[in-house]
Full PDB file with SEQRES, HELIX, SHEET, SSBOND, CRYST1, ORIGX, SCALE, CONECT and MASTER records, all heavy atoms in Angstrom:
SEQRES   1 A   30  GLU PRO GLY LEU ASP ARG VAL TYR ASN PRO PHE GLU ASN          
SEQRES   2 A   30  PRO ARG TRP VAL ARG GLY ASP LEU PRO ALA LEU PRO ARG          
SEQRES   3 A   30  THR GLU ALA MET                                              
HELIX    1 AA1 PRO A    2  VAL A    7  1                                   6    
HELIX    2 AA2 ARG A   15  ASP A   20  5                                   6    
HELIX    3 AA3 ARG A   26  ALA A   29  1                                   4    
CRYST1    1.000    1.000    1.000  90.00  90.00  90.00 P 1           1          
ORIGX1      1.000000  0.000000  0.000000        0.00000                         
ORIGX2      0.000000  1.000000  0.000000        0.00000                         
ORIGX3      0.000000  0.000000  1.000000        0.00000                         
SCALE1      1.000000  0.000000  0.000000        0.00000                         
SCALE2      0.000000  1.000000  0.000000        0.00000                         
SCALE3      0.000000  0.000000  1.000000        0.00000                         
ATOM      1  N   GLU A   1      32.629  77.807 -19.360  1.00  0.00           N  
ATOM      2  CA  GLU A   1      32.189  78.900 -18.522  1.00  0.00           C  
ATOM      3  C   GLU A   1      32.893  78.792 -17.172  1.00  0.00           C  
ATOM      4  O   GLU A   1      33.088  77.680 -16.670  1.00  0.00           O  
ATOM      5  CB  GLU A   1      30.675  78.810 -18.322  1.00  0.00           C  
ATOM      6  CG  GLU A   1      29.882  78.916 -19.603  1.00  0.00           C  
ATOM      7  CD  GLU A   1      28.394  78.709 -19.360  1.00  0.00           C  
ATOM      8  OE1 GLU A   1      27.979  78.751 -18.182  1.00  0.00           O  
ATOM      9  OE2 GLU A   1      27.667  78.503 -20.339  1.00  0.00           O  
ATOM     10  N   PRO A   2      33.304  79.896 -16.590  1.00  0.00           N  
ATOM     11  CA  PRO A   2      34.079  79.832 -15.347  1.00  0.00           C  
ATOM     12  C   PRO A   2      33.415  79.005 -14.252  1.00  0.00           C  
ATOM     13  O   PRO A   2      34.080  78.322 -13.482  1.00  0.00           O  
ATOM     14  CB  PRO A   2      34.210  81.303 -14.945  1.00  0.00           C  
ATOM     15  CG  PRO A   2      34.081  82.063 -16.229  1.00  0.00           C  
ATOM     16  CD  PRO A   2      33.128  81.271 -17.076  1.00  0.00           C  
ATOM     17  N   GLY A   3      32.088  79.027 -14.164  1.00  0.00           N  
ATOM     18  CA  GLY A   3      31.394  78.301 -13.108  1.00  0.00           C  
ATOM     19  C   GLY A   3      31.564  76.802 -13.182  1.00  0.00           C  
ATOM     20  O   GLY A   3      31.420  76.098 -12.171  1.00  0.00           O  
ATOM     21  N   LEU A   4      31.868  76.256 -14.368  1.00  0.00           N  
ATOM     22  CA  LEU A   4      32.015  74.812 -14.505  1.00  0.00           C  
ATOM     23  C   LEU A   4      33.235  74.290 -13.762  1.00  0.00           C  
ATOM     24  O   LEU A   4      33.263  73.130 -13.355  1.00  0.00           O  
ATOM     25  CB  LEU A   4      32.071  74.419 -15.975  1.00  0.00           C  
ATOM     26  CG  LEU A   4      30.758  74.571 -16.757  1.00  0.00           C  
ATOM     27  CD1 LEU A   4      30.933  74.063 -18.173  1.00  0.00           C  
ATOM     28  CD2 LEU A   4      29.625  73.830 -16.063  1.00  0.00           C  
ATOM     29  N   ASP A   5      34.260  75.124 -13.603  1.00  0.00           N  
ATOM     30  CA  ASP A   5      35.425  74.679 -12.836  1.00  0.00           C  
ATOM     31  C   ASP A   5      35.012  74.299 -11.419  1.00  0.00           C  
ATOM     32  O   ASP A   5      35.516  73.325 -10.855  1.00  0.00           O  
ATOM     33  CB  ASP A   5      36.483  75.780 -12.776  1.00  0.00           C  
ATOM     34  CG  ASP A   5      37.235  75.949 -14.094  1.00  0.00           C  
ATOM     35  OD1 ASP A   5      37.032  75.113 -14.993  1.00  0.00           O  
ATOM     36  OD2 ASP A   5      38.010  76.902 -14.209  1.00  0.00           O  
ATOM     37  N   ARG A   6      34.104  75.054 -10.850  1.00  0.00           N  
ATOM     38  CA  ARG A   6      33.657  74.763  -9.486  1.00  0.00           C  
ATOM     39  C   ARG A   6      32.738  73.542  -9.466  1.00  0.00           C  
ATOM     40  O   ARG A   6      32.816  72.704  -8.574  1.00  0.00           O  
ATOM     41  CB  ARG A   6      32.948  75.963  -8.879  1.00  0.00           C  
ATOM     42  CG  ARG A   6      33.834  77.190  -8.726  1.00  0.00           C  
ATOM     43  CD  ARG A   6      33.259  78.172  -7.743  1.00  0.00           C  
ATOM     44  NE  ARG A   6      33.244  77.609  -6.393  1.00  0.00           N  
ATOM     45  CZ  ARG A   6      32.757  78.241  -5.331  1.00  0.00           C  
ATOM     46  NH1 ARG A   6      32.247  79.463  -5.454  1.00  0.00           N  
ATOM     47  NH2 ARG A   6      32.776  77.669  -4.143  1.00  0.00           N  
ATOM     48  N   VAL A   7      31.879  73.413 -10.459  1.00  0.00           N  
ATOM     49  CA  VAL A   7      30.968  72.273 -10.518  1.00  0.00           C  
ATOM     50  C   VAL A   7      31.742  70.964 -10.579  1.00  0.00           C  
ATOM     51  O   VAL A   7      31.376  69.975  -9.932  1.00  0.00           O  
ATOM     52  CB  VAL A   7      30.031  72.398 -11.735  1.00  0.00           C  
ATOM     53  CG1 VAL A   7      29.250  71.095 -11.967  1.00  0.00           C  
ATOM     54  CG2 VAL A   7      29.071  73.552 -11.553  1.00  0.00           C  
ATOM     55  N   TYR A   8      32.830  70.963 -11.338  1.00  0.00           N  
ATOM     56  CA  TYR A   8      33.559  69.723 -11.581  1.00  0.00           C  
ATOM     57  C   TYR A   8      34.818  69.571 -10.729  1.00  0.00           C  
ATOM     58  O   TYR A   8      35.649  68.705 -11.001  1.00  0.00           O  
ATOM     59  CB  TYR A   8      33.889  69.599 -13.070  1.00  0.00           C  
ATOM     60  CG  TYR A   8      32.645  69.446 -13.909  1.00  0.00           C  
ATOM     61  CD1 TYR A   8      32.293  70.396 -14.858  1.00  0.00           C  
ATOM     62  CD2 TYR A   8      31.804  68.360 -13.721  1.00  0.00           C  
ATOM     63  CE1 TYR A   8      31.138  70.256 -15.615  1.00  0.00           C  
ATOM     64  CE2 TYR A   8      30.645  68.213 -14.469  1.00  0.00           C  
ATOM     65  CZ  TYR A   8      30.316  69.164 -15.414  1.00  0.00           C  
ATOM     66  OH  TYR A   8      29.167  69.019 -16.147  1.00  0.00           O  
ATOM     67  N   ASN A   9      34.934  70.398  -9.692  1.00  0.00           N  
ATOM     68  CA  ASN A   9      36.058  70.259  -8.769  1.00  0.00           C  
ATOM     69  C   ASN A   9      35.702  69.194  -7.731  1.00  0.00           C  
ATOM     70  O   ASN A   9      34.812  69.400  -6.906  1.00  0.00           O  
ATOM     71  CB  ASN A   9      36.339  71.587  -8.082  1.00  0.00           C  
ATOM     72  CG  ASN A   9      37.584  71.534  -7.205  1.00  0.00           C  
ATOM     73  OD1 ASN A   9      37.832  70.558  -6.522  1.00  0.00           O  
ATOM     74  ND2 ASN A   9      38.365  72.601  -7.231  1.00  0.00           N  
ATOM     75  N   PRO A  10      36.387  68.036  -7.742  1.00  0.00           N  
ATOM     76  CA  PRO A  10      35.989  66.951  -6.830  1.00  0.00           C  
ATOM     77  C   PRO A  10      36.274  67.255  -5.371  1.00  0.00           C  
ATOM     78  O   PRO A  10      35.680  66.622  -4.485  1.00  0.00           O  
ATOM     79  CB  PRO A  10      36.813  65.761  -7.328  1.00  0.00           C  
ATOM     80  CG  PRO A  10      37.997  66.371  -8.007  1.00  0.00           C  
ATOM     81  CD  PRO A  10      37.506  67.648  -8.616  1.00  0.00           C  
ATOM     82  N   PHE A  11      37.158  68.192  -5.086  1.00  0.00           N  
ATOM     83  CA  PHE A  11      37.480  68.498  -3.694  1.00  0.00           C  
ATOM     84  C   PHE A  11      36.507  69.507  -3.105  1.00  0.00           C  
ATOM     85  O   PHE A  11      36.238  69.492  -1.907  1.00  0.00           O  
ATOM     86  CB  PHE A  11      38.930  68.983  -3.589  1.00  0.00           C  
ATOM     87  CG  PHE A  11      39.900  67.878  -3.861  1.00  0.00           C  
ATOM     88  CD1 PHE A  11      40.373  67.651  -5.147  1.00  0.00           C  
ATOM     89  CD2 PHE A  11      40.302  67.031  -2.843  1.00  0.00           C  
ATOM     90  CE1 PHE A  11      41.234  66.606  -5.410  1.00  0.00           C  
ATOM     91  CE2 PHE A  11      41.161  65.985  -3.102  1.00  0.00           C  
ATOM     92  CZ  PHE A  11      41.634  65.770  -4.374  1.00  0.00           C  
ATOM     93  N   GLU A  12      35.958  70.357  -3.931  1.00  0.00           N  
ATOM     94  CA  GLU A  12      34.912  71.260  -3.460  1.00  0.00           C  
ATOM     95  C   GLU A  12      33.565  70.549  -3.355  1.00  0.00           C  
ATOM     96  O   GLU A  12      32.682  70.978  -2.602  1.00  0.00           O  
ATOM     97  CB  GLU A  12      34.776  72.457  -4.395  1.00  0.00           C  
ATOM     98  CG  GLU A  12      35.921  73.443  -4.331  1.00  0.00           C  
ATOM     99  CD  GLU A  12      35.612  74.706  -5.124  1.00  0.00           C  
ATOM    100  OE1 GLU A  12      34.414  74.994  -5.356  1.00  0.00           O  
ATOM    101  OE2 GLU A  12      36.570  75.397  -5.504  1.00  0.00           O  
ATOM    102  N   ASN A  13      33.422  69.463  -4.098  1.00  0.00           N  
ATOM    103  CA  ASN A  13      32.129  68.776  -4.185  1.00  0.00           C  
ATOM    104  C   ASN A  13      32.296  67.287  -3.920  1.00  0.00           C  
ATOM    105  O   ASN A  13      32.546  66.513  -4.852  1.00  0.00           O  
ATOM    106  CB  ASN A  13      31.521  68.976  -5.578  1.00  0.00           C  
ATOM    107  CG  ASN A  13      31.354  70.425  -5.946  1.00  0.00           C  
ATOM    108  OD1 ASN A  13      30.581  71.143  -5.331  1.00  0.00           O  
ATOM    109  ND2 ASN A  13      32.106  70.879  -6.950  1.00  0.00           N  
ATOM    110  N   PRO A  14      32.181  66.855  -2.671  1.00  0.00           N  
ATOM    111  CA  PRO A  14      32.252  65.415  -2.402  1.00  0.00           C  
ATOM    112  C   PRO A  14      31.131  64.678  -3.117  1.00  0.00           C  
ATOM    113  O   PRO A  14      30.126  65.280  -3.532  1.00  0.00           O  
ATOM    114  CB  PRO A  14      32.116  65.332  -0.880  1.00  0.00           C  
ATOM    115  CG  PRO A  14      31.508  66.619  -0.466  1.00  0.00           C  
ATOM    116  CD  PRO A  14      31.949  67.642  -1.453  1.00  0.00           C  
ATOM    117  N   ARG A  15      31.286  63.392  -3.266  1.00  0.00           N  
ATOM    118  CA  ARG A  15      30.375  62.617  -4.114  1.00  0.00           C  
ATOM    119  C   ARG A  15      28.906  62.779  -3.718  1.00  0.00           C  
ATOM    120  O   ARG A  15      28.031  62.823  -4.577  1.00  0.00           O  
ATOM    121  CB  ARG A  15      30.764  61.136  -4.078  1.00  0.00           C  
ATOM    122  CG  ARG A  15      32.062  60.823  -4.813  1.00  0.00           C  
ATOM    123  CD  ARG A  15      32.386  59.353  -4.754  1.00  0.00           C  
ATOM    124  NE  ARG A  15      33.614  59.030  -5.498  1.00  0.00           N  
ATOM    125  CZ  ARG A  15      34.128  57.819  -5.589  1.00  0.00           C  
ATOM    126  NH1 ARG A  15      33.537  56.805  -4.975  1.00  0.00           N  
ATOM    127  NH2 ARG A  15      35.231  57.610  -6.277  1.00  0.00           N  
ATOM    128  N   TRP A  16      28.634  62.845  -2.437  1.00  0.00           N  
ATOM    129  CA  TRP A  16      27.231  62.841  -2.017  1.00  0.00           C  
ATOM    130  C   TRP A  16      26.470  64.115  -2.359  1.00  0.00           C  
ATOM    131  O   TRP A  16      25.251  64.144  -2.230  1.00  0.00           O  
ATOM    132  CB  TRP A  16      27.126  62.541  -0.528  1.00  0.00           C  
ATOM    133  CG  TRP A  16      27.916  63.463   0.370  1.00  0.00           C  
ATOM    134  CD1 TRP A  16      27.511  64.657   0.894  1.00  0.00           C  
ATOM    135  CD2 TRP A  16      29.247  63.249   0.841  1.00  0.00           C  
ATOM    136  NE1 TRP A  16      28.503  65.208   1.658  1.00  0.00           N  
ATOM    137  CE2 TRP A  16      29.585  64.361   1.654  1.00  0.00           C  
ATOM    138  CE3 TRP A  16      30.188  62.228   0.672  1.00  0.00           C  
ATOM    139  CZ2 TRP A  16      30.829  64.478   2.279  1.00  0.00           C  
ATOM    140  CZ3 TRP A  16      31.422  62.345   1.302  1.00  0.00           C  
ATOM    141  CH2 TRP A  16      31.734  63.455   2.086  1.00  0.00           C  
ATOM    142  N   VAL A  17      27.163  65.187  -2.822  1.00  0.00           N  
ATOM    143  CA  VAL A  17      26.446  66.405  -3.203  1.00  0.00           C  
ATOM    144  C   VAL A  17      26.378  66.575  -4.719  1.00  0.00           C  
ATOM    145  O   VAL A  17      25.725  67.511  -5.206  1.00  0.00           O  
ATOM    146  CB  VAL A  17      27.096  67.662  -2.579  1.00  0.00           C  
ATOM    147  CG1 VAL A  17      27.250  67.496  -1.082  1.00  0.00           C  
ATOM    148  CG2 VAL A  17      28.434  68.006  -3.234  1.00  0.00           C  
ATOM    149  N   ARG A  18      27.021  65.711  -5.476  1.00  0.00           N  
ATOM    150  CA  ARG A  18      27.150  65.948  -6.910  1.00  0.00           C  
ATOM    151  C   ARG A  18      25.833  65.811  -7.666  1.00  0.00           C  
ATOM    152  O   ARG A  18      25.678  66.375  -8.753  1.00  0.00           O  
ATOM    153  CB  ARG A  18      28.218  65.023  -7.498  1.00  0.00           C  
ATOM    154  CG  ARG A  18      29.608  65.361  -6.987  1.00  0.00           C  
ATOM    155  CD  ARG A  18      30.671  64.382  -7.444  1.00  0.00           C  
ATOM    156  NE  ARG A  18      31.945  64.655  -6.775  1.00  0.00           N  
ATOM    157  CZ  ARG A  18      33.003  63.855  -6.821  1.00  0.00           C  
ATOM    158  NH1 ARG A  18      32.958  62.734  -7.540  1.00  0.00           N  
ATOM    159  NH2 ARG A  18      34.105  64.175  -6.177  1.00  0.00           N  
ATOM    160  N   GLY A  19      24.894  65.069  -7.110  1.00  0.00           N  
ATOM    161  CA  GLY A  19      23.600  64.961  -7.759  1.00  0.00           C  
ATOM    162  C   GLY A  19      22.802  66.250  -7.735  1.00  0.00           C  
ATOM    163  O   GLY A  19      21.859  66.421  -8.519  1.00  0.00           O  
ATOM    164  N   ASP A  20      23.171  67.184  -6.850  1.00  0.00           N  
ATOM    165  CA  ASP A  20      22.458  68.458  -6.731  1.00  0.00           C  
ATOM    166  C   ASP A  20      23.175  69.602  -7.440  1.00  0.00           C  
ATOM    167  O   ASP A  20      22.702  70.738  -7.413  1.00  0.00           O  
ATOM    168  CB  ASP A  20      22.295  68.823  -5.249  1.00  0.00           C  
ATOM    169  CG  ASP A  20      21.458  67.811  -4.490  1.00  0.00           C  
ATOM    170  OD1 ASP A  20      20.491  67.296  -5.080  1.00  0.00           O  
ATOM    171  OD2 ASP A  20      21.787  67.515  -3.328  1.00  0.00           O  
ATOM    172  N   LEU A  21      24.303  69.316  -8.075  1.00  0.00           N  
ATOM    173  CA  LEU A  21      25.056  70.370  -8.752  1.00  0.00           C  
ATOM    174  C   LEU A  21      24.463  70.684 -10.129  1.00  0.00           C  
ATOM    175  O   LEU A  21      23.845  69.814 -10.757  1.00  0.00           O  
ATOM    176  CB  LEU A  21      26.514  69.923  -8.929  1.00  0.00           C  
ATOM    177  CG  LEU A  21      27.331  69.712  -7.651  1.00  0.00           C  
ATOM    178  CD1 LEU A  21      28.673  69.080  -7.990  1.00  0.00           C  
ATOM    179  CD2 LEU A  21      27.532  71.032  -6.918  1.00  0.00           C  
ATOM    180  N   PRO A  22      24.679  71.904 -10.620  1.00  0.00           N  
ATOM    181  CA  PRO A  22      24.200  72.254 -11.973  1.00  0.00           C  
ATOM    182  C   PRO A  22      25.139  71.724 -13.053  1.00  0.00           C  
ATOM    183  O   PRO A  22      25.710  72.492 -13.847  1.00  0.00           O  
ATOM    184  CB  PRO A  22      24.174  73.783 -11.936  1.00  0.00           C  
ATOM    185  CG  PRO A  22      25.260  74.156 -10.979  1.00  0.00           C  
ATOM    186  CD  PRO A  22      25.247  73.091  -9.917  1.00  0.00           C  
ATOM    187  N   ALA A  23      25.304  70.398 -13.059  1.00  0.00           N  
ATOM    188  CA  ALA A  23      26.169  69.771 -14.060  1.00  0.00           C  
ATOM    189  C   ALA A  23      25.525  69.854 -15.435  1.00  0.00           C  
ATOM    190  O   ALA A  23      24.300  69.975 -15.563  1.00  0.00           O  
ATOM    191  CB  ALA A  23      26.431  68.312 -13.693  1.00  0.00           C  
ATOM    192  N   LEU A  24      26.353  69.776 -16.467  1.00  0.00           N  
ATOM    193  CA  LEU A  24      25.836  69.837 -17.832  1.00  0.00           C  
ATOM    194  C   LEU A  24      24.949  68.635 -18.124  1.00  0.00           C  
ATOM    195  O   LEU A  24      25.274  67.510 -17.737  1.00  0.00           O  
ATOM    196  CB  LEU A  24      27.000  69.851 -18.826  1.00  0.00           C  
ATOM    197  CG  LEU A  24      27.905  71.085 -18.813  1.00  0.00           C  
ATOM    198  CD1 LEU A  24      29.105  70.845 -19.716  1.00  0.00           C  
ATOM    199  CD2 LEU A  24      27.142  72.339 -19.244  1.00  0.00           C  
ATOM    200  N   PRO A  25      23.842  68.835 -18.817  1.00  0.00           N  
ATOM    201  CA  PRO A  25      23.060  67.688 -19.276  1.00  0.00           C  
ATOM    202  C   PRO A  25      23.896  66.816 -20.200  1.00  0.00           C  
ATOM    203  O   PRO A  25      24.914  67.257 -20.752  1.00  0.00           O  
ATOM    204  CB  PRO A  25      21.893  68.326 -20.035  1.00  0.00           C  
ATOM    205  CG  PRO A  25      21.850  69.741 -19.578  1.00  0.00           C  
ATOM    206  CD  PRO A  25      23.254  70.113 -19.219  1.00  0.00           C  
ATOM    207  N   ARG A  26      23.446  65.610 -20.397  1.00  0.00           N  
ATOM    208  CA  ARG A  26      24.205  64.635 -21.173  1.00  0.00           C  
ATOM    209  C   ARG A  26      24.652  65.171 -22.529  1.00  0.00           C  
ATOM    210  O   ARG A  26      25.831  65.058 -22.891  1.00  0.00           O  
ATOM    211  CB  ARG A  26      23.340  63.387 -21.352  1.00  0.00           C  
ATOM    212  CG  ARG A  26      23.949  62.312 -22.234  1.00  0.00           C  
ATOM    213  CD  ARG A  26      22.955  61.183 -22.409  1.00  0.00           C  
ATOM    214  NE  ARG A  26      23.544  59.994 -22.992  1.00  0.00           N  
ATOM    215  CZ  ARG A  26      23.018  58.788 -22.878  1.00  0.00           C  
ATOM    216  NH1 ARG A  26      21.904  58.613 -22.181  1.00  0.00           N  
ATOM    217  NH2 ARG A  26      23.605  57.749 -23.449  1.00  0.00           N  
ATOM    218  N   THR A  27      23.749  65.736 -23.301  1.00  0.00           N  
ATOM    219  CA  THR A  27      24.113  66.180 -24.647  1.00  0.00           C  
ATOM    220  C   THR A  27      25.137  67.311 -24.596  1.00  0.00           C  
ATOM    221  O   THR A  27      26.059  67.355 -25.425  1.00  0.00           O  
ATOM    222  CB  THR A  27      22.867  66.638 -25.415  1.00  0.00           C  
ATOM    223  OG1 THR A  27      22.167  67.627 -24.644  1.00  0.00           O  
ATOM    224  CG2 THR A  27      21.942  65.464 -25.688  1.00  0.00           C  
ATOM    225  N   GLU A  28      25.004  68.215 -23.635  1.00  0.00           N  
ATOM    226  CA  GLU A  28      25.972  69.303 -23.528  1.00  0.00           C  
ATOM    227  C   GLU A  28      27.322  68.788 -23.025  1.00  0.00           C  
ATOM    228  O   GLU A  28      28.374  69.288 -23.451  1.00  0.00           O  
ATOM    229  CB  GLU A  28      25.423  70.385 -22.600  1.00  0.00           C  
ATOM    230  CG  GLU A  28      24.225  71.124 -23.179  1.00  0.00           C  
ATOM    231  CD  GLU A  28      23.750  72.239 -22.270  1.00  0.00           C  
ATOM    232  OE1 GLU A  28      24.586  72.831 -21.553  1.00  0.00           O  
ATOM    233  OE2 GLU A  28      22.530  72.513 -22.267  1.00  0.00           O  
ATOM    234  N   ALA A  29      27.292  67.825 -22.121  1.00  0.00           N  
ATOM    235  CA  ALA A  29      28.551  67.241 -21.658  1.00  0.00           C  
ATOM    236  C   ALA A  29      29.283  66.564 -22.812  1.00  0.00           C  
ATOM    237  O   ALA A  29      30.512  66.660 -22.931  1.00  0.00           O  
ATOM    238  CB  ALA A  29      28.282  66.251 -20.530  1.00  0.00           C  
ATOM    239  N   MET A  30      28.536  65.883 -23.681  1.00  0.00           N  
ATOM    240  CA  MET A  30      29.154  65.243 -24.840  1.00  0.00           C  
ATOM    241  C   MET A  30      29.753  66.292 -25.773  1.00  0.00           C  
ATOM    242  O   MET A  30      30.847  66.103 -26.323  1.00  0.00           O  
ATOM    243  CB  MET A  30      28.116  64.400 -25.587  1.00  0.00           C  
ATOM    244  CG  MET A  30      27.660  63.175 -24.840  1.00  0.00           C  
ATOM    245  SD  MET A  30      28.998  61.986 -24.583  1.00  0.00           S  
ATOM    246  CE  MET A  30      28.066  60.574 -24.020  1.00  0.00           C  
TER     247      MET A  30                                                      
MASTER        0    0    0    3    0    0    0    6  246    1    0    3          
END                                                                             
């Protein structure tokens, strides 16, 4: 999905904000 490019862009999302992102749950990431 287009939105995942933004979620997983490390330059748009420094490490300290990644816990609040709508990242895929474990099973979906797998």
